Structure formats: structure tokens, C-alpha cells
Amino acid sequence: MLLGAIADDFTGASDLANTLAKEGMATTLFVGVPKDEASGTEAGETEAGVVALKTRSIAPAEAVRQSLAALDWLRSQQAEQILFKYCSTFDSTPEGNIGPVAEALGKALDAGIAVVCPVFPATGRTLYQGHLFVGGRLLNESGMEKHPLTPMTDPDIRRWLRRQTKGEVALVPYAIVRQGPRAIASALTEAEESGNRLAVVDAVTDDDLRAIGAAIAGAKFVTGGSGIALGLPENFRRAGKLGGTGAIFIGIEGPGAVISGSCSRASQAQLTEHLSRHPGLAVAPEAVLGGDITVAAARDFVLAHPDDAPIVHSTAAPEAVAAAQQRFGREKVAVAIERFFGELSRELVAAGIARLAIGGGETSGAVVAALGLDRLAIGPEIDPGVPALAGTVAGKSIRIALKSGNFGAVDFYDKALRVMAKA
């Protein structure tokens, strides 16, 4: 293994795996820290191994523990470089988990300084003077300030990180980035010599990310969104270490369905679009907690529309989500919805659903865990940052797409089910 990655949620892991595969690395996505010998054998045959965790919204200490366990496994596979992947909107609370995990991994690796760069231009995420923009708007004006789990109220990534970490955080500004890899590397060295262990690095375009990648060719440790991975494979290719082979993805026959748990603006628009042409079933938190809707009822609804790409969703306006959280408690609502969708996905696959498109990071994690998927092969890109994936559940092949709430075109779900279908 050349590159070992640790992702803090499952949609982010598939996003990263997609980027690495597109850039020419033979890539495998491992769900959780592998424990069986077969996973070790498979890792030995891959160039980039991505370990998908579900640590974005848990207690910082537990996120650190799980991330260090993933690091131990990746190091046992002789990974030459470690990447900690988080969301391109830097989803985190003032306590963590990005800062604590980054510090812990960097310390364990004795890595010196590590880049912090959540940029992903293809989806409108850019960084200037340390401030994160989403679609041309500052992060705290993009809708992310209303996120039900990790409201992002400050676009200054250095300032946000300082609240999460013990050390100072440097900045490599855009004026230096535009000068190219040597200037970036020099600025990082200077920041490290000044005692910094994390450095926020500006980027606006893919070319900027490739320049940053070239500047950190020999770095033990890197952090960022999936965009930072654009420039990493070329370092291994230049060293003659890439084999130039990748997995072959084949679509699958069988009915498809959609599950959406995200409440982002993009997810709301995607839901509206999908409902204009396909049947849907709303799953409200109060109905789940009160027993007014059951997994069996939702399963039967989907199975009654096998050829119509039905959608089961808890997607709602932030105000409605906030009201439910205030009434029942945020954690209780999140656990109930995730458990519901996890059980539903298991029932659907057992009943013959072969293609699943999932919206939302937390929902994706719940579904993957419930299905018992332990590794996924990377297929073609559906929309920027979202690939089709192939896996096996109880000996049965399935195809699945895991979409971050903010990703995807308005007709994403139709496209996803089409890409995953047998040609």
C-alpha cells in the first residue's frame, strides 16, 4: 500500500476513493478497521486503501481512539503516506473532531507539520486567506450554519481549529500557493520551524491542489477534503510506483430505491425533484419515536413500487428538524432515524432490492453498518465526489451510492440508479 487514508464518515470515504481511483490509483474502500486476513491480503494488492470510520459527530476522545486504531492498521500495511480526510465544509464542533484527531495522528506519526486543506473546487469549496467559501458564499452564510449536528458559524478555518487544538495554526496564503510547489514547501518548512504542527493552505482551483500535492510529496501526514488527494497520486507515479490498473465495475440487474436522511439545501432540492416523478414516503422523527410508522411499513411501501425508484426520506427544513430535536433531544432523534434507515436497508436488500442510493453522511454510515458491508469496490463517478460502489451482503451482490448531503445535481438519485444498473 502506498497511500493510507482515514475518513471520518462513509460518504467522505467514497468521495476520496473516487478521487484517488480517477487519478489512477488502484483503490479499495474498507468499512471500519479491517480485522480479517483477507482484508490484509486485499490491502497488499491495492495502492490506496481508504478506511471509512463514523467519527465525525461522536465524542472527540472516541474519535481519536478509532482514528489511531485505523492508523495502526494502515501502518501494518506499510502505507508510505497517511491522509486524514474530513468534509469539505469542515463539519465539526468547537471541541472537535477534526483538530483533536489531526493532532493525535500527527503526533503518532512524528510527522512535523501537516497541511489542512478542505478545498474541493468541483463542488464549490474554496479557501482564501484561511476563509472557507461554499459556492461563492462564506461558510457561515452557505446554509451550513444551520446544520443540525455541526453548525458551522465561523468561516475562518484557523480560528475554528484553534478552538479545537492545543497548538498554533499557521497559514500559507494564496499569494504563496500561486508561486508553485517550491514556494509552498518553503512556507511549510518555515511554519514548522516556528513550532506549528498544522498549516491551513489556501486553494481555489484544481491546479492549486496539484501544486500543494507536489509540495508535500515526502510528507508523512496530510489532512484535507477529497480535493487534496488530486495531487498525491502523481508523486507515486513520478516515482514509478503505480501499476496503472483499476477495478472493473459492472452494473447489476434488479430494482432500486432511495433513502434520504440529509436535510441540507441540496438534499431538499433533490428530494423535491425526485418526488416530482417517483413515489415517496416521509419518515418524521415523531412518527418513528411514537411507533406511528414502522420499518415493515416502509419496506412494504418500497416493494409495492419495484420499478418506480421510490424514495423513503426524513429530509425536512432545518426549522422542522430543530423543533423535533428540541422536543425529543438531538441525540435521541438522530439515533432513532439512523436505526430506522439501517434496519430498512437490511430489509430491502433481503427482499431483493439490488441498487440503493443513500443521501446524507450519517444515514450512509447507518446503512453501511446495518448491511454489514466491510469493503467496497469503486465504480464510475455519478456526480463530482460521488462514485457508484459495489459490495456483497450475505453473499448477494449489491450496488450502492453514498452521497454527502450537499453533493450531487438536483437529479442525482435518478442518475445514481441508472449508473448502478446493468447496461
Protein backbone atom coordinates (compact mmCIF):
# COMPACT_ATOMS: atom_id res chain seq x y z
CA MET A 1 0.00 0.00 0.00
CA LEU A 2 1.29 3.44 -0.94
CA LEU A 3 -1.34 5.79 0.46
CA GLY A 4 -3.39 5.02 3.55
CA ALA A 5 -6.41 7.20 4.27
CA ILE A 6 -8.67 7.62 7.28
CA ALA A 7 -12.07 9.18 6.56
CA ASP A 8 -14.36 10.48 9.29
CA ASP A 9 -17.57 9.37 7.57
CA PHE A 10 -18.67 6.94 4.88
CA THR A 11 -19.72 9.41 2.18
CA GLY A 12 -16.40 11.19 2.60
CA ALA A 13 -14.59 7.89 2.27
CA SER A 14 -16.32 7.06 -1.03
CA ASP A 15 -15.68 10.62 -2.23
CA LEU A 16 -11.96 10.25 -1.50
CA ALA A 17 -11.78 6.77 -3.01
CA ASN A 18 -13.43 8.17 -6.13
CA THR A 19 -10.80 10.89 -6.44
CA LEU A 20 -7.89 8.50 -5.99
CA ALA A 21 -9.30 5.99 -8.47
CA LYS A 22 -9.86 8.72 -11.07
CA GLU A 23 -6.25 9.81 -10.62
CA GLY A 24 -5.03 6.32 -11.44
CA MET A 25 -4.53 4.56 -8.11
CA ALA A 26 -5.88 1.04 -7.55
CA THR A 27 -8.17 1.85 -4.63
CA THR A 28 -10.14 -0.17 -2.08
CA LEU A 29 -12.59 1.25 0.46
CA PHE A 30 -12.57 -0.62 3.78
CA VAL A 31 -15.55 -0.12 6.07
CA GLY A 32 -14.10 0.23 9.55
CA VAL A 33 -10.72 -1.09 10.58
CA PRO A 34 -10.26 -4.49 8.86
CA LYS A 35 -9.86 -7.46 11.16
CA ASP A 36 -9.73 -10.49 8.87
CA GLU A 37 -6.73 -11.85 6.99
CA ALA A 38 -8.47 -11.46 3.64
CA SER A 39 -8.56 -7.72 4.14
CA GLY A 40 -4.83 -7.69 4.71
CA THR A 41 -4.29 -9.65 1.51
CA GLU A 42 -6.55 -7.31 -0.44
CA ALA A 43 -4.78 -4.28 1.04
CA GLY A 44 -1.49 -5.71 -0.16
CA GLU A 45 -2.88 -5.66 -3.69
CA THR A 46 -4.12 -2.07 -3.56
CA GLU A 47 -2.21 1.17 -3.94
CA ALA A 48 -4.59 3.35 -1.95
CA GLY A 49 -6.54 2.00 0.99
CA VAL A 50 -9.32 4.13 2.47
CA VAL A 51 -10.63 3.21 5.92
CA ALA A 52 -14.14 4.59 6.42
CA LEU A 53 -15.00 5.47 10.02
CA LYS A 54 -18.06 7.14 11.52
CA THR A 55 -16.30 9.56 13.83
CA ARG A 56 -17.43 12.99 12.69
CA SER A 57 -20.06 13.58 15.35
CA ILE A 58 -19.01 11.34 18.25
CA ALA A 59 -17.07 12.33 21.37
CA PRO A 60 -13.59 13.67 20.47
CA ALA A 61 -11.76 11.12 22.65
CA GLU A 62 -13.54 8.22 20.95
CA ALA A 63 -12.88 9.73 17.51
CA VAL A 64 -9.19 9.89 18.36
CA ARG A 65 -9.17 6.29 19.61
CA GLN A 66 -10.81 4.92 16.48
CA SER A 67 -8.61 7.00 14.19
CA LEU A 68 -5.45 5.78 15.90
CA ALA A 69 -6.65 2.19 15.51
CA ALA A 70 -7.11 2.83 11.78
CA LEU A 71 -3.64 4.33 11.65
CA ASP A 72 -2.13 1.26 13.30
CA TRP A 73 -3.70 -0.99 10.65
CA LEU A 74 -2.61 1.21 7.75
CA ARG A 75 0.94 1.27 9.09
CA SER A 76 0.87 -2.52 9.35
CA GLN A 77 0.17 -2.48 5.60
CA GLN A 78 3.32 -0.37 5.06
CA ALA A 79 1.41 2.72 3.88
CA GLU A 80 4.00 5.32 2.94
CA GLN A 81 1.79 8.37 3.42
CA ILE A 82 -1.26 8.89 5.67
CA LEU A 83 -4.19 11.13 4.77
CA PHE A 84 -6.87 12.19 7.26
CA LYS A 85 -9.96 13.05 5.22
CA TYR A 86 -12.78 15.23 6.56
CA CYS A 87 -15.66 17.11 4.98
CA SER A 88 -15.01 19.93 2.51
CA THR A 89 -17.28 22.11 4.66
CA PHE A 90 -15.08 21.27 7.68
CA ASP A 91 -18.06 19.84 9.60
CA SER A 92 -17.10 19.89 13.28
CA THR A 93 -18.00 21.41 16.63
CA PRO A 94 -15.83 23.89 18.54
CA GLU A 95 -14.49 20.92 20.54
CA GLY A 96 -13.62 18.73 17.53
CA ASN A 97 -13.31 16.34 15.99
CA ILE A 98 -11.02 17.47 13.20
CA GLY A 99 -8.42 19.22 15.36
CA PRO A 100 -8.02 16.56 18.06
CA VAL A 101 -7.80 13.74 15.50
CA ALA A 102 -5.30 15.64 13.34
CA GLU A 103 -3.10 16.40 16.34
CA ALA A 104 -3.22 12.80 17.58
CA LEU A 105 -2.39 11.30 14.18
CA GLY A 106 0.40 13.79 13.58
CA LYS A 107 1.92 13.05 16.98
CA ALA A 108 1.71 9.28 16.47
CA LEU A 109 3.48 9.64 13.13
CA ASP A 110 6.01 12.18 14.40
CA ALA A 111 5.03 13.96 11.23
CA GLY A 112 6.21 17.51 11.77
CA ILE A 113 3.79 19.88 10.07
CA ALA A 114 0.65 18.78 8.23
CA VAL A 115 -1.41 20.60 5.60
CA VAL A 116 -5.03 21.48 6.40
CA CYS A 117 -6.99 21.97 3.16
CA PRO A 118 -10.72 21.13 2.92
CA VAL A 119 -10.93 22.55 -0.62
CA PHE A 120 -12.94 20.82 -3.39
CA PRO A 121 -13.40 23.25 -6.33
CA ALA A 122 -15.63 20.87 -8.31
CA THR A 123 -18.29 21.29 -5.62
CA GLY A 124 -17.66 24.98 -4.96
CA ARG A 125 -15.46 24.65 -1.86
CA THR A 126 -12.56 27.12 -1.96
CA LEU A 127 -10.24 28.65 0.63
CA TYR A 128 -8.84 32.17 0.60
CA GLN A 129 -6.89 33.83 3.43
CA GLY A 130 -7.89 30.88 5.55
CA HIS A 131 -11.61 31.51 5.00
CA LEU A 132 -13.76 28.72 3.55
CA PHE A 133 -16.26 29.50 0.81
CA VAL A 134 -19.11 27.30 -0.42
CA GLY A 135 -20.46 28.19 -3.84
CA GLY A 136 -19.03 31.69 -3.57
CA ARG A 137 -20.53 32.33 -0.13
CA LEU A 138 -18.69 32.31 3.16
CA LEU A 139 -19.19 29.02 5.02
CA ASN A 140 -21.32 30.63 7.72
CA GLU A 141 -23.64 32.11 5.05
CA SER A 142 -23.96 28.94 2.96
CA GLY A 143 -26.64 27.14 4.95
CA MET A 144 -24.07 25.15 6.91
CA GLU A 145 -24.66 27.49 9.85
CA LYS A 146 -27.97 25.63 10.24
CA HIS A 147 -26.56 22.10 10.17
CA PRO A 148 -28.40 20.09 12.86
CA LEU A 149 -25.26 18.33 14.18
CA THR A 150 -22.30 20.55 13.29
CA PRO A 151 -23.47 24.13 12.66
CA MET A 152 -20.58 26.00 11.01
CA THR A 153 -20.79 29.57 12.28
CA ASP A 154 -17.25 30.73 11.52
CA PRO A 155 -15.61 30.59 8.05
CA ASP A 156 -12.11 31.23 9.42
CA ILE A 157 -10.62 27.73 9.50
CA ARG A 158 -7.57 28.78 11.51
CA ARG A 159 -9.76 30.34 14.18
CA TRP A 160 -12.05 27.28 14.23
CA LEU A 161 -9.05 24.94 14.54
CA ARG A 162 -7.53 26.98 17.36
CA ARG A 163 -10.65 26.25 19.39
CA GLN A 164 -10.12 22.52 18.82
CA THR A 165 -6.35 22.19 19.20
CA LYS A 166 -3.59 22.89 21.68
CA GLY A 167 -1.05 24.43 19.32
CA GLU A 168 -0.91 27.38 16.96
CA VAL A 169 -2.12 27.04 13.37
CA ALA A 170 -0.17 28.58 10.50
CA LEU A 171 -1.49 29.95 7.19
CA VAL A 172 0.02 29.54 3.75
CA PRO A 173 -1.82 32.29 1.85
CA TYR A 174 -2.95 32.20 -1.75
CA ALA A 175 -0.19 34.55 -2.91
CA ILE A 176 2.37 31.90 -1.97
CA VAL A 177 0.32 28.98 -3.31
CA ARG A 178 0.22 30.64 -6.72
CA GLN A 179 4.03 30.67 -6.80
CA GLY A 180 4.05 26.88 -7.00
CA PRO A 181 5.32 23.80 -5.14
CA ARG A 182 8.72 25.17 -4.09
CA ALA A 183 7.22 28.28 -2.52
CA ILE A 184 4.58 26.19 -0.74
CA ALA A 185 7.18 23.75 0.58
CA SER A 186 9.36 26.62 1.79
CA ALA A 187 6.43 28.25 3.60
CA LEU A 188 5.55 24.95 5.28
CA THR A 189 9.13 24.46 6.43
CA GLU A 190 9.22 27.97 7.85
CA ALA A 191 5.93 27.39 9.67
CA GLU A 192 7.21 24.11 11.12
CA GLU A 193 10.42 25.72 12.31
CA SER A 194 8.25 28.28 14.11
CA GLY A 195 6.63 25.48 16.09
CA ASN A 196 3.42 24.95 14.10
CA ARG A 197 2.14 21.42 13.53
CA LEU A 198 -0.86 22.34 11.37
CA ALA A 199 -0.96 24.79 8.47
CA VAL A 200 -4.11 25.93 6.68
CA VAL A 201 -3.23 26.22 2.98
CA ASP A 202 -5.32 28.33 0.62
CA ALA A 203 -6.55 26.88 -2.69
CA VAL A 204 -9.10 27.97 -5.26
CA THR A 205 -8.54 25.70 -8.27
CA ASP A 206 -7.58 22.11 -9.01
CA ASP A 207 -4.20 23.41 -10.19
CA ASP A 208 -3.63 24.84 -6.72
CA LEU A 209 -4.36 21.45 -5.18
CA ARG A 210 -1.94 19.74 -7.56
CA ALA A 211 0.74 22.26 -6.63
CA ILE A 212 0.15 21.58 -2.93
CA GLY A 213 0.32 17.85 -3.61
CA ALA A 214 3.69 18.24 -5.33
CA ALA A 215 4.96 20.33 -2.40
CA ILE A 216 4.16 17.58 0.14
CA ALA A 217 5.44 14.59 -1.83
CA GLY A 218 7.57 13.38 1.07
CA ALA A 219 5.20 14.27 3.89
CA LYS A 220 4.24 11.51 6.31
CA PHE A 221 0.86 13.05 7.06
CA VAL A 222 -1.68 15.15 5.16
CA THR A 223 -5.18 16.36 6.07
CA GLY A 224 -7.97 17.72 3.93
CA GLY A 225 -11.10 17.14 1.89
CA SER A 226 -11.02 14.77 -1.03
CA GLY A 227 -9.66 17.55 -3.24
CA ILE A 228 -6.27 17.41 -1.54
CA ALA A 229 -5.90 13.90 -2.99
CA LEU A 230 -5.80 15.28 -6.54
CA GLY A 231 -2.09 15.98 -6.28
CA LEU A 232 -0.93 12.94 -4.30
CA PRO A 233 -1.07 10.08 -6.86
CA GLU A 234 1.27 11.92 -9.24
CA ASN A 235 4.03 11.77 -6.63
CA PHE A 236 3.85 7.98 -6.60
CA ARG A 237 3.53 7.86 -10.39
CA ARG A 238 6.63 10.02 -10.78
CA ALA A 239 8.49 7.60 -8.51
CA GLY A 240 7.45 4.69 -10.73
CA LYS A 241 5.30 3.06 -8.05
CA LEU A 242 1.85 3.00 -9.70
CA GLY A 243 0.74 -0.03 -11.64
CA GLY A 244 -1.85 1.78 -13.74
CA THR A 245 -4.58 -0.79 -13.15
CA GLY A 246 -8.01 -0.39 -11.62
CA ALA A 247 -11.11 -2.38 -10.79
CA ILE A 248 -13.75 -3.15 -13.42
CA PHE A 249 -17.26 -2.11 -12.38
CA ILE A 250 -20.30 -3.93 -13.71
CA GLY A 251 -23.85 -2.73 -13.15
CA ILE A 252 -26.45 -5.02 -11.69
CA GLU A 253 -30.00 -6.11 -12.52
CA GLY A 254 -32.78 -5.69 -10.01
CA PRO A 255 -34.96 -2.96 -8.52
CA GLY A 256 -33.59 0.21 -6.97
CA ALA A 257 -34.65 2.53 -4.17
CA VAL A 258 -33.58 5.75 -2.49
CA ILE A 259 -33.14 6.63 1.19
CA SER A 260 -32.52 10.26 2.16
CA GLY A 261 -31.74 11.39 5.68
CA SER A 262 -29.95 14.65 4.92
CA CYS A 263 -31.67 17.98 5.47
CA SER A 264 -29.23 20.18 3.54
CA ARG A 265 -30.42 22.63 0.92
CA ALA A 266 -29.11 20.39 -1.85
CA SER A 267 -30.89 17.36 -0.39
CA GLN A 268 -34.16 19.25 -0.12
CA ALA A 269 -33.94 20.23 -3.80
CA GLN A 270 -33.03 16.66 -4.79
CA LEU A 271 -35.99 15.32 -2.83
CA THR A 272 -38.40 17.76 -4.48
CA GLU A 273 -37.09 16.79 -7.91
CA HIS A 274 -37.30 13.06 -7.24
CA LEU A 275 -40.80 13.29 -5.80
CA SER A 276 -41.96 15.05 -8.98
CA ARG A 277 -41.51 11.78 -10.87
CA HIS A 278 -41.38 8.99 -8.26
CA PRO A 279 -43.39 7.85 -5.22
CA GLY A 280 -42.14 8.83 -1.78
CA LEU A 281 -42.72 8.13 1.88
CA ALA A 282 -41.89 10.72 4.54
CA VAL A 283 -40.48 9.46 7.84
CA ALA A 284 -40.87 12.09 10.56
CA PRO A 285 -38.93 11.74 13.84
CA GLU A 286 -42.09 11.94 15.94
CA ALA A 287 -43.69 9.17 13.87
CA VAL A 288 -40.67 6.91 14.34
CA LEU A 289 -40.35 7.61 18.06
CA GLY A 290 -44.09 7.25 18.58
CA GLY A 291 -44.34 4.00 16.62
CA ASP A 292 -46.73 5.52 14.07
CA ILE A 293 -44.51 4.32 11.24
CA THR A 294 -42.58 1.06 11.21
CA VAL A 295 -39.71 -0.40 9.23
CA ALA A 296 -42.08 -3.07 7.91
CA ALA A 297 -44.48 -0.42 6.60
CA ALA A 298 -41.67 1.46 4.87
CA ARG A 299 -40.35 -1.79 3.39
CA ASP A 300 -43.78 -2.70 2.06
CA PHE A 301 -44.13 0.76 0.51
CA VAL A 302 -40.86 0.35 -1.41
CA LEU A 303 -41.68 -3.19 -2.51
CA ALA A 304 -45.06 -2.03 -3.80
CA HIS A 305 -43.19 0.19 -6.31
CA PRO A 306 -40.33 -2.04 -7.53
CA ASP A 307 -39.96 -0.32 -10.91
CA ASP A 308 -40.62 3.26 -9.80
CA ALA A 309 -37.43 4.19 -7.87
CA PRO A 310 -39.33 5.03 -4.65
CA ILE A 311 -37.76 7.26 -2.02
CA VAL A 312 -38.09 6.98 1.77
CA HIS A 313 -36.92 10.15 3.47
CA SER A 314 -36.63 12.16 6.65
CA THR A 315 -35.40 15.19 4.70
CA ALA A 316 -37.06 18.34 6.01
CA ALA A 317 -36.45 22.04 6.51
CA PRO A 318 -33.95 22.92 9.28
CA GLU A 319 -36.74 24.51 11.33
CA ALA A 320 -38.70 21.25 11.40
CA VAL A 321 -35.61 19.28 12.37
CA ALA A 322 -34.80 21.76 15.14
CA ALA A 323 -38.33 21.51 16.51
CA ALA A 324 -38.10 17.72 16.71
CA GLN A 325 -34.69 17.92 18.35
CA GLN A 326 -35.97 20.39 20.93
CA ARG A 327 -38.95 18.18 21.73
CA PHE A 328 -37.18 14.81 21.93
CA GLY A 329 -33.46 15.63 22.20
CA ARG A 330 -30.94 15.82 19.38
CA GLU A 331 -29.19 12.54 20.06
CA LYS A 332 -32.43 10.61 20.53
CA VAL A 333 -33.77 11.85 17.19
CA ALA A 334 -30.51 11.08 15.35
CA VAL A 335 -30.25 7.57 16.79
CA ALA A 336 -33.88 6.76 16.05
CA ILE A 337 -33.71 7.89 12.40
CA GLU A 338 -30.37 6.19 11.76
CA ARG A 339 -31.57 2.94 13.30
CA PHE A 340 -34.78 3.10 11.26
CA PHE A 341 -32.95 3.59 7.96
CA GLY A 342 -30.32 0.98 8.82
CA GLU A 343 -32.97 -1.64 9.53
CA LEU A 344 -34.93 -0.60 6.46
CA SER A 345 -31.92 -1.04 4.18
CA ARG A 346 -31.31 -4.51 5.59
CA GLU A 347 -34.94 -5.48 5.00
CA LEU A 348 -34.91 -4.08 1.47
CA VAL A 349 -31.76 -5.93 0.40
CA ALA A 350 -33.06 -9.15 1.91
CA ALA A 351 -36.27 -8.65 -0.12
CA GLY A 352 -34.39 -8.22 -3.40
CA ILE A 353 -33.57 -4.53 -3.76
CA ALA A 354 -30.26 -4.55 -5.64
CA ARG A 355 -29.47 -0.84 -6.01
CA LEU A 356 -29.57 1.71 -3.20
CA ALA A 357 -28.90 5.45 -3.43
CA ILE A 358 -28.35 6.95 0.02
CA GLY A 359 -28.40 10.67 0.84
CA GLY A 360 -26.62 12.03 3.91
CA GLY A 361 -23.39 11.17 5.69
CA GLU A 362 -24.90 9.92 8.94
CA THR A 363 -27.58 7.99 7.07
CA SER A 364 -24.95 6.42 4.79
CA GLY A 365 -22.95 5.30 7.80
CA ALA A 366 -26.01 3.75 9.41
CA VAL A 367 -26.93 1.89 6.22
CA VAL A 368 -23.44 0.54 5.55
CA ALA A 369 -23.13 -0.64 9.16
CA ALA A 370 -26.55 -2.28 9.12
CA LEU A 371 -25.81 -4.10 5.87
CA GLY A 372 -22.52 -5.40 7.26
CA LEU A 373 -20.51 -4.16 4.27
CA ASP A 374 -16.81 -4.50 5.06
CA ARG A 375 -15.24 -3.35 1.78
CA LEU A 376 -16.46 -1.68 -1.39
CA ALA A 377 -15.10 -1.56 -4.93
CA ILE A 378 -15.03 1.82 -6.62
CA GLY A 379 -17.12 2.31 -9.76
CA PRO A 380 -17.79 5.22 -12.12
CA GLU A 381 -18.44 8.73 -10.87
CA ILE A 382 -22.12 9.70 -10.72
CA ASP A 383 -21.60 13.36 -9.82
CA PRO A 384 -18.44 15.11 -8.56
CA GLY A 385 -17.31 13.34 -5.40
CA VAL A 386 -19.85 10.51 -5.55
CA PRO A 387 -18.98 7.15 -7.16
CA ALA A 388 -21.07 4.06 -7.65
CA LEU A 389 -19.89 1.29 -5.30
CA ALA A 390 -20.04 -2.49 -5.46
CA GLY A 391 -20.35 -4.70 -2.40
CA THR A 392 -21.66 -8.00 -1.09
CA VAL A 393 -24.30 -8.57 1.60
CA ALA A 394 -24.79 -12.15 2.84
CA GLY A 395 -23.38 -13.48 -0.42
CA LYS A 396 -25.61 -11.22 -2.54
CA SER A 397 -24.07 -8.56 -4.81
CA ILE A 398 -25.45 -5.06 -4.45
CA ARG A 399 -24.63 -1.63 -5.84
CA ILE A 400 -24.80 1.41 -3.61
CA ALA A 401 -24.17 5.15 -3.80
CA LEU A 402 -23.32 7.15 -0.67
CA LYS A 403 -23.96 10.87 -1.16
CA SER A 404 -22.95 13.62 1.23
CA GLY A 405 -25.91 15.85 1.90
CA ASN A 406 -24.55 18.85 0.00
CA PHE A 407 -23.27 16.90 -3.02
CA GLY A 408 -24.92 15.99 -6.29
CA ALA A 409 -27.01 17.60 -9.01
CA VAL A 410 -30.73 18.04 -8.50
CA ASP A 411 -31.43 14.81 -10.43
CA PHE A 412 -28.75 12.85 -8.60
CA TYR A 413 -30.93 9.95 -7.49
CA ASP A 414 -32.15 9.10 -10.98
CA LYS A 415 -28.60 9.26 -12.30
CA ALA A 416 -27.29 7.11 -9.46
CA LEU A 417 -29.79 4.34 -10.01
CA ARG A 418 -29.11 4.45 -13.75
CA VAL A 419 -25.31 4.23 -13.35
CA MET A 420 -25.67 1.29 -10.97
CA ALA A 421 -27.94 -0.62 -13.34
CA LYS A 422 -26.73 -3.29 -15.74
CA ALA A 423 -26.22 -1.79 -19.20
